[in-house]
PDB file of N, CA and C in Angstrom:
ATOM      1  N   MET A   1      21.055   1.115  13.290  1.00  0.00           N
ATOM      2  CA  MET A   1      20.356   0.182  12.799  1.00  0.00           C
ATOM      3  C   MET A   1      20.030  -1.141  13.695  1.00  0.00           C
ATOM      4  N   GLU A   2      20.720  -1.312  14.624  1.00  0.00           N
ATOM      5  CA  GLU A   2      20.529  -2.386  15.443  1.00  0.00           C
ATOM      6  C   GLU A   2      19.429  -2.219  16.501  1.00  0.00           C
ATOM      7  N   LYS A   3      19.171  -0.984  16.757  1.00  0.00           N
ATOM      8  CA  LYS A   3      17.902  -0.634  17.576  1.00  0.00           C
ATOM      9  C   LYS A   3      16.582  -1.279  16.764  1.00  0.00           C
ATOM     10  N   HIS A   4      16.637  -1.572  15.530  1.00  0.00           N
ATOM     11  CA  HIS A   4      15.198  -1.536  14.813  1.00  0.00           C
ATOM     12  C   HIS A   4      15.415  -2.662  14.248  1.00  0.00           C
ATOM     13  N   ILE A   5      16.416  -3.555  14.427  1.00  0.00           N
ATOM     14  CA  ILE A   5      16.411  -4.985  13.928  1.00  0.00           C
ATOM     15  C   ILE A   5      16.772  -5.725  15.283  1.00  0.00           C
ATOM     16  N   ILE A   6      16.077  -6.859  15.696  1.00  0.00           N
ATOM     17  CA  ILE A   6      16.424  -7.923  16.792  1.00  0.00           C
ATOM     18  C   ILE A   6      16.254  -9.128  16.468  1.00  0.00           C
ATOM     19  N   LEU A   7      17.378  -9.948  16.255  1.00  0.00           N
ATOM     20  CA  LEU A   7      17.511 -11.351  15.788  1.00  0.00           C
ATOM     21  C   LEU A   7      17.478 -12.224  16.748  1.00  0.00           C
ATOM     22  N   SER A   8      16.711 -13.334  16.463  1.00  0.00           N
ATOM     23  CA  SER A   8      16.552 -14.435  17.646  1.00  0.00           C
ATOM     24  C   SER A   8      16.100 -15.754  16.935  1.00  0.00           C
ATOM     25  N   LYS A   9      16.603 -16.640  17.244  1.00  0.00           N
ATOM     26  CA  LYS A   9      16.103 -18.186  16.827  1.00  0.00           C
ATOM     27  C   LYS A   9      15.492 -18.018  15.302  1.00  0.00           C
ATOM     28  N   GLY A  10      16.596 -17.577  14.376  1.00  0.00           N
ATOM     29  CA  GLY A  10      16.044 -17.643  12.853  1.00  0.00           C
ATOM     30  C   GLY A  10      14.992 -16.650  12.506  1.00  0.00           C
ATOM     31  N   GLU A  11      14.984 -16.010  13.422  1.00  0.00           N
ATOM     32  CA  GLU A  11      14.070 -14.706  12.757  1.00  0.00           C
ATOM     33  C   GLU A  11      14.129 -13.473  13.236  1.00  0.00           C
ATOM     34  N   ALA A  12      13.503 -12.604  12.485  1.00  0.00           N
ATOM     35  CA  ALA A  12      13.865 -11.138  12.755  1.00  0.00           C
ATOM     36  C   ALA A  12      12.706 -10.414  13.561  1.00  0.00           C
ATOM     37  N   LYS A  13      12.822  -9.288  14.415  1.00  0.00           N
ATOM     38  CA  LYS A  13      11.774  -8.698  14.635  1.00  0.00           C
ATOM     39  C   LYS A  13      12.500  -7.260  14.303  1.00  0.00           C
ATOM     40  N   LEU A  14      11.491  -6.356  13.729  1.00  0.00           N
ATOM     41  CA  LEU A  14      11.673  -5.133  13.242  1.00  0.00           C
ATOM     42  C   LEU A  14      10.753  -4.256  13.717  1.00  0.00           C
ATOM     43  N   LEU A  15      11.370  -3.026  14.355  1.00  0.00           N
ATOM     44  CA  LEU A  15      10.742  -2.062  14.550  1.00  0.00           C
ATOM     45  C   LEU A  15      10.605  -0.695  13.644  1.00  0.00           C
ATOM     46  N   VAL A  16       9.205  -0.538  13.481  1.00  0.00           N
ATOM     47  CA  VAL A  16       9.016   0.571  12.492  1.00  0.00           C
ATOM     48  C   VAL A  16       8.317   1.571  13.150  1.00  0.00           C
ATOM     49  N   ASN A  17       9.030   2.816  12.923  1.00  0.00           N
ATOM     50  CA  ASN A  17       8.514   4.034  13.477  1.00  0.00           C
ATOM     51  C   ASN A  17       7.329   4.522  12.359  1.00  0.00           C
ATOM     52  N   PRO A  18       5.893   4.506  12.943  1.00  0.00           N
ATOM     53  CA  PRO A  18       5.060   4.862  12.008  1.00  0.00           C
ATOM     54  C   PRO A  18       5.020   6.420  11.964  1.00  0.00           C
ATOM     55  N   ALA A  19       5.763   7.337  12.175  1.00  0.00           N
ATOM     56  CA  ALA A  19       6.035   8.544  12.315  1.00  0.00           C
ATOM     57  C   ALA A  19       6.951   9.041  10.761  1.00  0.00           C
ATOM     58  N   VAL A  20       7.801   7.817  10.588  1.00  0.00           N
ATOM     59  CA  VAL A  20       8.664   7.862   9.484  1.00  0.00           C
ATOM     60  C   VAL A  20       8.216   6.973   8.379  1.00  0.00           C
ATOM     61  N   TYR A  21       7.298   6.118   8.319  1.00  0.00           N
ATOM     62  CA  TYR A  21       7.047   5.136   7.587  1.00  0.00           C
ATOM     63  C   TYR A  21       5.336   4.830   7.545  1.00  0.00           C
ATOM     64  N   PRO A  22       4.613   5.064   6.830  1.00  0.00           N
ATOM     65  CA  PRO A  22       3.095   4.990   6.839  1.00  0.00           C
ATOM     66  C   PRO A  22       2.802   3.636   6.805  1.00  0.00           C
ATOM     67  N   ILE A  23       1.596   3.327   7.507  1.00  0.00           N
ATOM     68  CA  ILE A  23       1.150   1.675   7.810  1.00  0.00           C
ATOM     69  C   ILE A  23       0.908   1.007   6.305  1.00  0.00           C
ATOM     70  N   GLU A  24       0.329   2.222   5.125  1.00  0.00           N
ATOM     71  CA  GLU A  24       0.201   1.711   3.846  1.00  0.00           C
ATOM     72  C   GLU A  24       1.616   1.102   3.160  1.00  0.00           C
ATOM     73  N   ALA A  25       2.743   1.720   3.722  1.00  0.00           N
ATOM     74  CA  ALA A  25       4.090   1.373   3.097  1.00  0.00           C
ATOM     75  C   ALA A  25       4.483  -0.336   3.798  1.00  0.00           C
ATOM     76  N   VAL A  26       4.215  -0.162   4.736  1.00  0.00           N
ATOM     77  CA  VAL A  26       4.205  -1.476   5.861  1.00  0.00           C
ATOM     78  C   VAL A  26       3.664  -2.397   5.127  1.00  0.00           C
ATOM     79  N   TYR A  27       2.396  -2.427   4.923  1.00  0.00           N
ATOM     80  CA  TYR A  27       1.466  -3.494   4.075  1.00  0.00           C
ATOM     81  C   TYR A  27       2.085  -3.548   2.810  1.00  0.00           C
ATOM     82  N   SER A  28       2.268  -2.662   2.169  1.00  0.00           N
ATOM     83  CA  SER A  28       3.055  -3.021   0.587  1.00  0.00           C
ATOM     84  C   SER A  28       4.353  -3.788   0.839  1.00  0.00           C
ATOM     85  N   ALA A  29       5.237  -3.538   1.698  1.00  0.00           N
ATOM     86  CA  ALA A  29       6.489  -4.212   1.813  1.00  0.00           C
ATOM     87  C   ALA A  29       6.228  -5.602   2.197  1.00  0.00           C
ATOM     88  N   SER A  30       5.319  -5.628   2.991  1.00  0.00           N
ATOM     89  CA  SER A  30       5.141  -7.134   3.671  1.00  0.00           C
ATOM     90  C   SER A  30       4.563  -7.710   2.404  1.00  0.00           C
ATOM     91  N   PHE A  31       3.661  -7.440   1.730  1.00  0.00           N
ATOM     92  CA  PHE A  31       3.078  -8.192   0.720  1.00  0.00           C
ATOM     93  C   PHE A  31       4.302  -8.710  -0.246  1.00  0.00           C
ATOM     94  N   VAL A  32       5.395  -7.906  -0.536  1.00  0.00           N
ATOM     95  CA  VAL A  32       6.383  -8.628  -1.664  1.00  0.00           C
ATOM     96  C   VAL A  32       7.252  -9.738  -0.665  1.00  0.00           C
ATOM     97  N   PHE A  33       7.251  -9.746   0.531  1.00  0.00           N
ATOM     98  CA  PHE A  33       7.960 -10.617   1.023  1.00  0.00           C
ATOM     99  C   PHE A  33       7.188 -12.055   1.441  1.00  0.00           C
ATOM    100  N   LEU A  34       5.751 -12.070   0.960  1.00  0.00           N
ATOM    101  CA  LEU A  34       4.928 -13.063   1.388  1.00  0.00           C
ATOM    102  C   LEU A  34       5.364 -14.487   0.912  1.00  0.00           C
ATOM    103  N   ASP A  35       6.227 -14.595  -0.289  1.00  0.00           N
ATOM    104  CA  ASP A  35       6.550 -15.819  -0.691  1.00  0.00           C
ATOM    105  C   ASP A  35       8.020 -16.231  -0.281  1.00  0.00           C
ATOM    106  N   ARG A  36       8.774 -15.075   0.550  1.00  0.00           N
ATOM    107  CA  ARG A  36       9.966 -15.590   1.029  1.00  0.00           C
ATOM    108  C   ARG A  36      10.052 -15.670   2.419  1.00  0.00           C
ATOM    109  N   ALA A  37       9.045 -15.428   3.363  1.00  0.00           N
ATOM    110  CA  ALA A  37       9.167 -15.430   4.517  1.00  0.00           C
ATOM    111  C   ALA A  37       7.671 -15.419   4.925  1.00  0.00           C
ATOM    112  N   TYR A  38       7.472 -15.528   6.494  1.00  0.00           N
ATOM    113  CA  TYR A  38       6.408 -15.686   7.261  1.00  0.00           C
ATOM    114  C   TYR A  38       6.357 -14.572   7.897  1.00  0.00           C
ATOM    115  N   LEU A  39       5.376 -13.665   7.869  1.00  0.00           N
ATOM    116  CA  LEU A  39       5.349 -12.269   8.485  1.00  0.00           C
ATOM    117  C   LEU A  39       4.231 -12.005   9.535  1.00  0.00           C
ATOM    118  N   LEU A  40       4.482 -11.306  10.563  1.00  0.00           N
ATOM    119  CA  LEU A  40       3.338 -10.897  11.639  1.00  0.00           C
ATOM    120  C   LEU A  40       3.569  -9.820  11.899  1.00  0.00           C
ATOM    121  N   LEU A  41       2.494  -8.676  11.607  1.00  0.00           N
ATOM    122  CA  LEU A  41       2.534  -7.218  12.238  1.00  0.00           C
ATOM    123  C   LEU A  41       1.975  -7.318  13.396  1.00  0.00           C
ATOM    124  N   ASP A  42       2.275  -6.326  14.203  1.00  0.00           N
ATOM    125  CA  ASP A  42       1.902  -5.940  15.376  1.00  0.00           C
ATOM    126  C   ASP A  42       2.364  -4.732  15.935  1.00  0.00           C
ATOM    127  N   LYS A  43       1.982  -4.208  17.037  1.00  0.00           N
ATOM    128  CA  LYS A  43       1.923  -2.863  17.787  1.00  0.00           C
ATOM    129  C   LYS A  43       2.634  -3.125  18.906  1.00  0.00           C
ATOM    130  N   GLU A  44       3.853  -2.360  19.298  1.00  0.00           N
ATOM    131  CA  GLU A  44       4.400  -2.150  20.554  1.00  0.00           C
ATOM    132  C   GLU A  44       4.897  -1.093  20.620  1.00  0.00           C
ATOM    133  N   ASP A  45       4.189  -0.349  21.920  1.00  0.00           N
ATOM    134  CA  ASP A  45       4.411   0.960  22.299  1.00  0.00           C
ATOM    135  C   ASP A  45       4.112   1.940  21.018  1.00  0.00           C
ATOM    136  N   GLU A  46       4.815   2.779  20.522  1.00  0.00           N
ATOM    137  CA  GLU A  46       4.527   3.613  19.477  1.00  0.00           C
ATOM    138  C   GLU A  46       5.099   2.719  18.168  1.00  0.00           C
ATOM    139  N   ASN A  47       5.738   1.796  18.215  1.00  0.00           N
ATOM    140  CA  ASN A  47       6.206   1.237  16.754  1.00  0.00           C
ATOM    141  C   ASN A  47       5.018  -0.063  16.194  1.00  0.00           C
ATOM    142  N   ILE A  48       5.513   0.214  14.924  1.00  0.00           N
ATOM    143  CA  ILE A  48       4.681  -1.191  14.427  1.00  0.00           C
ATOM    144  C   ILE A  48       5.826  -2.319  14.400  1.00  0.00           C
ATOM    145  N   VAL A  49       5.510  -3.543  14.868  1.00  0.00           N
ATOM    146  CA  VAL A  49       6.536  -4.470  14.936  1.00  0.00           C
ATOM    147  C   VAL A  49       6.095  -5.350  13.875  1.00  0.00           C
ATOM    148  N   VAL A  50       7.151  -5.911  12.973  1.00  0.00           N
ATOM    149  CA  VAL A  50       6.930  -6.636  11.820  1.00  0.00           C
ATOM    150  C   VAL A  50       8.131  -7.861  12.349  1.00  0.00           C
ATOM    151  N   MET A  51       7.411  -9.241  12.397  1.00  0.00           N
ATOM    152  CA  MET A  51       8.170 -10.353  12.569  1.00  0.00           C
ATOM    153  C   MET A  51       8.522 -11.012  11.569  1.00  0.00           C
ATOM    154  N   ILE A  52       9.721 -11.425  11.048  1.00  0.00           N
ATOM    155  CA  ILE A  52      10.059 -12.090   9.752  1.00  0.00           C
ATOM    156  C   ILE A  52      10.555 -13.226   9.833  1.00  0.00           C
ATOM    157  N   LYS A  53      10.074 -14.348   9.573  1.00  0.00           N
ATOM    158  CA  LYS A  53      10.588 -15.858   9.733  1.00  0.00           C
ATOM    159  C   LYS A  53      10.936 -16.283   8.274  1.00  0.00           C
ATOM    160  N   PRO A  54      11.976 -16.331   7.674  1.00  0.00           N
ATOM    161  CA  PRO A  54      12.328 -17.100   6.317  1.00  0.00           C
ATOM    162  C   PRO A  54      11.554 -18.208   6.281  1.00  0.00           C
ATOM    163  N   LYS A  55      11.019 -18.519   5.149  1.00  0.00           N
ATOM    164  CA  LYS A  55      10.562 -19.915   4.729  1.00  0.00           C
ATOM    165  C   LYS A  55      11.475 -20.963   4.220  1.00  0.00           C
ATOM    166  N   GLY A  56      12.626 -20.309   3.621  1.00  0.00           N
ATOM    167  CA  GLY A  56      13.706 -21.500   3.214  1.00  0.00           C
ATOM    168  C   GLY A  56      15.100 -21.156   4.301  1.00  0.00           C
ATOM    169  N   SER A  57      16.170 -21.174   3.740  1.00  0.00           N
ATOM    170  CA  SER A  57      17.419 -21.081   4.332  1.00  0.00           C
ATOM    171  C   SER A  57      18.016 -19.693   4.029  1.00  0.00           C
ATOM    172  N   ALA A  58      17.022 -18.841   4.012  1.00  0.00           N
ATOM    173  CA  ALA A  58      17.516 -17.314   3.588  1.00  0.00           C
ATOM    174  C   ALA A  58      17.753 -16.611   5.124  1.00  0.00           C
ATOM    175  N   ASP A  59      18.710 -15.477   5.311  1.00  0.00           N
ATOM    176  CA  ASP A  59      19.179 -15.323   6.162  1.00  0.00           C
ATOM    177  C   ASP A  59      18.056 -14.109   6.763  1.00  0.00           C
ATOM    178  N   PRO A  60      17.785 -14.248   7.849  1.00  0.00           N
ATOM    179  CA  PRO A  60      16.840 -13.215   8.696  1.00  0.00           C
ATOM    180  C   PRO A  60      17.328 -11.695   8.569  1.00  0.00           C
ATOM    181  N   GLU A  61      18.399 -11.583   8.635  1.00  0.00           N
ATOM    182  CA  GLU A  61      19.051 -10.233   8.818  1.00  0.00           C
ATOM    183  C   GLU A  61      19.040  -9.444   7.654  1.00  0.00           C
ATOM    184  N   LYS A  62      19.432 -10.278   6.579  1.00  0.00           N
ATOM    185  CA  LYS A  62      19.215  -9.768   5.261  1.00  0.00           C
ATOM    186  C   LYS A  62      17.696  -9.451   4.524  1.00  0.00           C
ATOM    187  N   LEU A  63      16.957 -10.333   5.085  1.00  0.00           N
ATOM    188  CA  LEU A  63      15.749 -10.109   4.678  1.00  0.00           C
ATOM    189  C   LEU A  63      15.082  -8.988   5.612  1.00  0.00           C
ATOM    190  N   ALA A  64      15.592  -8.458   6.938  1.00  0.00           N
ATOM    191  CA  ALA A  64      15.055  -7.477   7.594  1.00  0.00           C
ATOM    192  C   ALA A  64      15.740  -6.182   6.803  1.00  0.00           C
ATOM    193  N   LEU A  65      16.793  -6.397   6.412  1.00  0.00           N
ATOM    194  CA  LEU A  65      17.452  -5.227   5.575  1.00  0.00           C
ATOM    195  C   LEU A  65      16.585  -5.000   4.270  1.00  0.00           C
ATOM    196  N   GLU A  66      16.407  -6.010   3.807  1.00  0.00           N
ATOM    197  CA  GLU A  66      15.575  -5.711   2.248  1.00  0.00           C
ATOM    198  C   GLU A  66      14.294  -5.070   2.529  1.00  0.00           C
ATOM    199  N   PHE A  67      13.583  -5.617   3.719  1.00  0.00           N
ATOM    200  CA  PHE A  67      12.383  -5.220   4.168  1.00  0.00           C
ATOM    201  C   PHE A  67      12.308  -3.698   4.329  1.00  0.00           C
ATOM    202  N   PHE A  68      13.375  -2.983   5.046  1.00  0.00           N
ATOM    203  CA  PHE A  68      13.607  -1.757   5.384  1.00  0.00           C
ATOM    204  C   PHE A  68      13.748  -1.039   3.910  1.00  0.00           C
ATOM    205  N   ASN A  69      14.542  -1.469   2.931  1.00  0.00           N
ATOM    206  CA  ASN A  69      14.610  -0.776   1.586  1.00  0.00           C
ATOM    207  C   ASN A  69      13.325  -0.657   0.975  1.00  0.00           C
ATOM    208  N   GLU A  70      12.449  -1.989   1.132  1.00  0.00           N
ATOM    209  CA  GLU A  70      11.276  -1.703   0.597  1.00  0.00           C
ATOM    210  C   GLU A  70      10.157  -0.760   1.110  1.00  0.00           C
ATOM    211  N   LEU A  71      10.241  -0.530   2.317  1.00  0.00           N
ATOM    212  CA  LEU A  71       9.561   0.467   3.171  1.00  0.00           C
ATOM    213  C   LEU A  71      10.130   2.066   2.659  1.00  0.00           C
ATOM    214  N   ILE A  72      11.428   2.062   2.447  1.00  0.00           N
ATOM    215  CA  ILE A  72      11.638   3.396   1.811  1.00  0.00           C
ATOM    216  C   ILE A  72      10.875   3.411   0.410  1.00  0.00           C
ATOM    217  N   ASN A  73      11.057   2.307  -0.389  1.00  0.00           N
ATOM    218  CA  ASN A  73      10.676   2.511  -1.637  1.00  0.00           C
ATOM    219  C   ASN A  73       9.068   2.810  -1.763  1.00  0.00           C
ATOM    220  N   TYR A  74       8.430   1.937  -1.124  1.00  0.00           N
ATOM    221  CA  TYR A  74       6.927   2.437  -0.978  1.00  0.00           C
ATOM    222  C   TYR A  74       6.632   3.668  -0.365  1.00  0.00           C
ATOM    223  N   SER A  75       7.158   3.966   0.532  1.00  0.00           N
ATOM    224  CA  SER A  75       6.875   5.456   1.170  1.00  0.00           C
ATOM    225  C   SER A  75       7.062   6.555   0.250  1.00  0.00           C
ATOM    226  N   ASP A  76       8.080   6.389  -0.335  1.00  0.00           N
ATOM    227  CA  ASP A  76       8.376   7.401  -1.356  1.00  0.00           C
ATOM    228  C   ASP A  76       7.347   7.443  -2.741  1.00  0.00           C
ATOM    229  N   TYR A  77       6.745   6.014  -2.952  1.00  0.00           N
ATOM    230  CA  TYR A  77       5.770   6.016  -3.916  1.00  0.00           C
ATOM    231  C   TYR A  77       4.558   6.612  -3.362  1.00  0.00           C
ATOM    232  N   ILE A  78       4.163   6.229  -2.026  1.00  0.00           N
ATOM    233  CA  ILE A  78       2.890   7.066  -1.543  1.00  0.00           C
ATOM    234  C   ILE A  78       3.030   8.384  -1.402  1.00  0.00           C
ATOM    235  N   ALA A  79       4.090   8.880  -1.021  1.00  0.00           N
ATOM    236  CA  ALA A  79       4.546  10.291  -1.099  1.00  0.00           C
ATOM    237  C   ALA A  79       4.177  11.047  -2.730  1.00  0.00           C
ATOM    238  N   ARG A  80       4.818  10.501  -3.699  1.00  0.00           N
ATOM    239  CA  ARG A  80       4.816  11.085  -4.711  1.00  0.00           C
ATOM    240  C   ARG A  80       3.235  10.791  -5.419  1.00  0.00           C
ATOM    241  N   SER A  81       2.751   9.553  -4.809  1.00  0.00           N
ATOM    242  CA  SER A  81       1.238   9.559  -5.623  1.00  0.00           C
ATOM    243  C   SER A  81       0.240  10.422  -5.053  1.00  0.00           C
ATOM    244  N   SER A  82       0.316  10.726  -3.796  1.00  0.00           N
ATOM    245  CA  SER A  82      -0.402  11.902  -3.072  1.00  0.00           C
ATOM    246  C   SER A  82      -0.085  13.063  -3.465  1.00  0.00           C
ATOM    247  N   ALA A  83       1.272  13.495  -3.831  1.00  0.00           N
ATOM    248  CA  ALA A  83       1.507  14.819  -4.204  1.00  0.00           C
ATOM    249  C   ALA A  83       0.842  14.891  -5.363  1.00  0.00           C
ATOM    250  N   SER A  84       0.895  14.223  -6.337  1.00  0.00           N
ATOM    251  CA  SER A  84       0.299  14.258  -7.887  1.00  0.00           C
ATOM    252  C   SER A  84      -1.180  13.805  -7.894  1.00  0.00           C
ATOM    253  N   ALA A  85      -1.857  13.563  -6.931  1.00  0.00           N
ATOM    254  CA  ALA A  85      -3.134  12.726  -7.142  1.00  0.00           C
ATOM    255  C   ALA A  85      -4.073  14.276  -7.956  1.00  0.00           C
ATOM    256  N   ASP A  86      -3.965  15.269  -7.400  1.00  0.00           N
ATOM    257  CA  ASP A  86      -4.879  16.030  -8.288  1.00  0.00           C
ATOM    258  C   ASP A  86      -4.568  16.459  -9.583  1.00  0.00           C
ATOM    259  N   ILE A  87      -3.154  16.364  -9.950  1.00  0.00           N
ATOM    260  CA  ILE A  87      -2.853  16.298 -11.444  1.00  0.00           C
ATOM    261  C   ILE A  87      -3.226  14.967 -12.201  1.00  0.00           C
ATOM    262  N   LYS A  88      -3.161  14.000 -11.477  1.00  0.00           N
ATOM    263  CA  LYS A  88      -4.079  12.520 -12.290  1.00  0.00           C
ATOM    264  C   LYS A  88      -5.347  12.630 -12.579  1.00  0.00           C
ATOM    265  N   LYS A  89      -5.849  13.398 -11.493  1.00  0.00           N
ATOM    266  CA  LYS A  89      -7.569  13.382 -11.743  1.00  0.00           C
ATOM    267  C   LYS A  89      -7.930  14.239 -12.825  1.00  0.00           C
ATOM    268  N   LEU A  90      -7.095  15.491 -12.954  1.00  0.00           N
ATOM    269  CA  LEU A  90      -7.497  16.401 -13.766  1.00  0.00           C
ATOM    270  C   LEU A  90      -7.049  16.153 -15.306  1.00  0.00           C
ATOM    271  N   LEU A  91      -5.808  15.405 -15.317  1.00  0.00           N
ATOM    272  CA  LEU A  91      -5.531  14.464 -16.745  1.00  0.00           C
ATOM    273  C   LEU A  91      -6.633  13.585 -17.166  1.00  0.00           C
ATOM    274  N   LEU A  92      -6.881  12.509 -16.176  1.00  0.00           N
ATOM    275  CA  LEU A  92      -7.992  11.605 -16.508  1.00  0.00           C
ATOM    276  C   LEU A  92      -9.257  12.315 -16.958  1.00  0.00           C
ATOM    277  N   SER A  93      -9.869  13.284 -16.301  1.00  0.00           N
ATOM    278  CA  SER A  93     -10.893  13.809 -16.453  1.00  0.00           C
ATOM    279  C   SER A  93     -10.852  14.604 -17.910  1.00  0.00           C
ATOM    280  N   ARG A  94      -9.960  15.144 -18.253  1.00  0.00           N
ATOM    281  CA  ARG A  94      -9.898  16.039 -19.419  1.00  0.00           C
ATOM    282  C   ARG A  94      -9.525  14.804 -20.475  1.00  0.00           C
ATOM    283  N   ALA A  95      -8.917  13.743 -20.404  1.00  0.00           N
ATOM    284  CA  ALA A  95      -8.785  12.834 -21.283  1.00  0.00           C
ATOM    285  C   ALA A  95     -10.193  12.242 -21.414  1.00  0.00           C
ATOM    286  N   LEU A  96     -10.712  11.979 -20.553  1.00  0.00           N
ATOM    287  CA  LEU A  96     -12.455  11.306 -20.701  1.00  0.00           C
ATOM    288  C   LEU A  96     -13.146  12.129 -21.345  1.00  0.00           C
ATOM    289  N   PHE A  97     -13.180  13.571 -21.264  1.00  0.00           N
ATOM    290  CA  PHE A  97     -13.969  14.681 -21.841  1.00  0.00           C
ATOM    291  C   PHE A  97     -13.762  14.971 -23.282  1.00  0.00           C
ATOM    292  N   ALA A  98     -12.190  15.059 -23.467  1.00  0.00           N
ATOM    293  CA  ALA A  98     -11.805  15.327 -24.792  1.00  0.00           C
ATOM    294  C   ALA A  98     -11.978  14.156 -25.938  1.00  0.00           C
ATOM    295  N   GLY A  99     -11.917  13.131 -25.323  1.00  0.00           N
ATOM    296  CA  GLY A  99     -12.099  11.960 -26.164  1.00  0.00           C
ATOM    297  C   GLY A  99     -13.673  11.510 -26.605  1.00  0.00           C
ATOM    298  N   GLY A 100     -14.528  12.298 -25.973  1.00  0.00           N
ATOM    299  CA  GLY A 100     -15.757  12.103 -26.391  1.00  0.00           C
ATOM    300  C   GLY A 100     -16.313  10.912 -25.403  1.00  0.00           C
ATOM    301  N   VAL A 101     -15.928  10.648 -24.395  1.00  0.00           N
ATOM    302  CA  VAL A 101     -16.519   9.535 -23.418  1.00  0.00           C
ATOM    303  C   VAL A 101     -17.627  10.194 -22.745  1.00  0.00           C
ATOM    304  N   PHE A 102     -17.533  11.230 -22.291  1.00  0.00           N
ATOM    305  CA  PHE A 102     -18.237  12.194 -21.679  1.00  0.00           C
ATOM    306  C   PHE A 102     -18.449  13.680 -22.337  1.00  0.00           C
ATOM    307  N   GLU A 103     -19.641  13.868 -22.232  1.00  0.00           N
ATOM    308  CA  GLU A 103     -19.702  15.431 -22.408  1.00  0.00           C
ATOM    309  C   GLU A 103     -20.075  15.923 -20.960  1.00  0.00           C
ATOM    310  N   GLU A 104     -19.839  17.155 -21.014  1.00  0.00           N
ATOM    311  CA  GLU A 104     -19.971  18.003 -19.688  1.00  0.00           C
ATOM    312  C   GLU A 104     -21.069  17.994 -19.353  1.00  0.00           C
ATOM    313  N   ASN A 105     -22.407  18.444 -20.170  1.00  0.00           N
ATOM    314  CA  ASN A 105     -23.798  18.358 -19.463  1.00  0.00           C
ATOM    315  C   ASN A 105     -24.378  16.917 -19.698  1.00  0.00           C
ATOM    316  N   GLU A 106     -23.659  16.087 -20.145  1.00  0.00           N
ATOM    317  CA  GLU A 106     -24.414  14.779 -20.350  1.00  0.00           C
ATOM    318  C   GLU A 106     -24.923  13.969 -19.182  1.00  0.00           C
ATOM    319  N   GLU A 107     -25.964  13.485 -19.369  1.00  0.00           N
ATOM    320  CA  GLU A 107     -26.458  12.802 -17.887  1.00  0.00           C
ATOM    321  C   GLU A 107     -25.961  11.371 -17.689  1.00  0.00           C
ATOM    322  N   VAL A 108     -25.489  10.887 -17.019  1.00  0.00           N
ATOM    323  CA  VAL A 108     -25.196   9.636 -16.517  1.00  0.00           C
ATOM    324  C   VAL A 108     -26.536   8.957 -16.461  1.00  0.00           C
ATOM    325  N   ILE A 109     -26.546   7.789 -17.243  1.00  0.00           N
ATOM    326  CA  ILE A 109     -27.555   6.730 -17.166  1.00  0.00           C
ATOM    327  C   ILE A 109     -27.327   5.895 -16.201  1.00  0.00           C
ATOM    328  N   ILE A 110     -28.029   5.344 -15.120  1.00  0.00           N
ATOM    329  CA  ILE A 110     -27.852   4.239 -14.375  1.00  0.00           C
ATOM    330  C   ILE A 110     -28.950   3.202 -14.685  1.00  0.00           C
ATOM    331  N   PRO A 111     -28.521   2.061 -15.093  1.00  0.00           N
ATOM    332  CA  PRO A 111     -29.672   1.159 -15.575  1.00  0.00           C
ATOM    333  C   PRO A 111     -30.337   0.735 -14.490  1.00  0.00           C
ATOM    334  N   TRP A 112     -30.197   0.232 -13.352  1.00  0.00           N
ATOM    335  CA  TRP A 112     -31.107  -0.018 -12.279  1.00  0.00           C
ATOM    336  C   TRP A 112     -31.941   0.940 -11.722  1.00  0.00           C
ATOM    337  N   GLU A 113     -31.787   2.108 -12.153  1.00  0.00           N
ATOM    338  CA  GLU A 113     -32.760   3.315 -11.651  1.00  0.00           C
ATOM    339  C   GLU A 113     -33.610   3.289 -12.770  1.00  0.00           C
ATOM    340  N   ASP A 114     -33.314   3.372 -13.933  1.00  0.00           N
ATOM    341  CA  ASP A 114     -34.200   3.378 -14.935  1.00  0.00           C
ATOM    342  C   ASP A 114     -35.434   2.076 -14.746  1.00  0.00           C
ATOM    343  N   ASP A 115     -35.065   0.932 -14.618  1.00  0.00           N
ATOM    344  CA  ASP A 115     -36.021  -0.035 -13.887  1.00  0.00           C
ATOM    345  C   ASP A 115     -36.977   0.136 -12.791  1.00  0.00           C
ATOM    346  N   LYS A 116     -36.682   0.826 -11.992  1.00  0.00           N
ATOM    347  CA  LYS A 116     -37.293   1.407 -10.891  1.00  0.00           C
ATOM    348  C   LYS A 116     -38.326   2.133 -11.380  1.00  0.00           C
ATOM    349  N   GLU A 117     -38.102   3.281 -12.244  1.00  0.00           N
ATOM    350  CA  GLU A 117     -39.175   4.261 -12.865  1.00  0.00           C
ATOM    351  C   GLU A 117     -40.042   3.526 -13.812  1.00  0.00           C
ATOM    352  N   ASN A 118     -39.462   2.580 -14.208  1.00  0.00           N
ATOM    353  CA  ASN A 118     -40.517   1.828 -15.257  1.00  0.00           C
ATOM    354  C   ASN A 118     -41.715   1.124 -14.499  1.00  0.00           C
ATOM    355  N   LYS A 119     -41.425   0.547 -13.147  1.00  0.00           N
ATOM    356  CA  LYS A 119     -42.082  -0.249 -12.487  1.00  0.00           C
ATOM    357  C   LYS A 119     -42.889   0.594 -11.652  1.00  0.00           C
ATOM    358  N   GLU A 120     -42.584   1.901 -11.499  1.00  0.00           N
ATOM    359  CA  GLU A 120     -43.567   2.743 -10.474  1.00  0.00           C
ATOM    360  C   GLU A 120     -44.730   3.382 -11.259  1.00  0.00           C
ATOM    361  N   GLU A 121     -44.249   3.411 -12.504  1.00  0.00           N
ATOM    362  CA  GLU A 121     -45.325   4.145 -13.645  1.00  0.00           C
ATOM    363  C   GLU A 121     -46.395   3.075 -14.135  1.00  0.00           C
TER     364      GLU A 121
END
């Protein structure tokens, strides 16, 4: 863990491997910490760099460790969401068609296109 967290002057530098953690997970984890720390995202060699400086008297090492926990949390969420995306689409479309919101052969009316057709006539 020491090679991924570098502590200095009351802040922590985290080296995040993009092959392990998707950039979306880094953004999501960063968002969680906005109320507790100042964050800077950058790239160094092949790693994503996250600089964390606590806003209060929080321990930068503890924040860094918590950040990595959030990375795992959001990486798992992203993986599960992608794996079940097709099922979610299918369920949503079935719910909309079964609930009478849309009929299969129903034409979707686009109000701004009706105005154009009326003006051309």
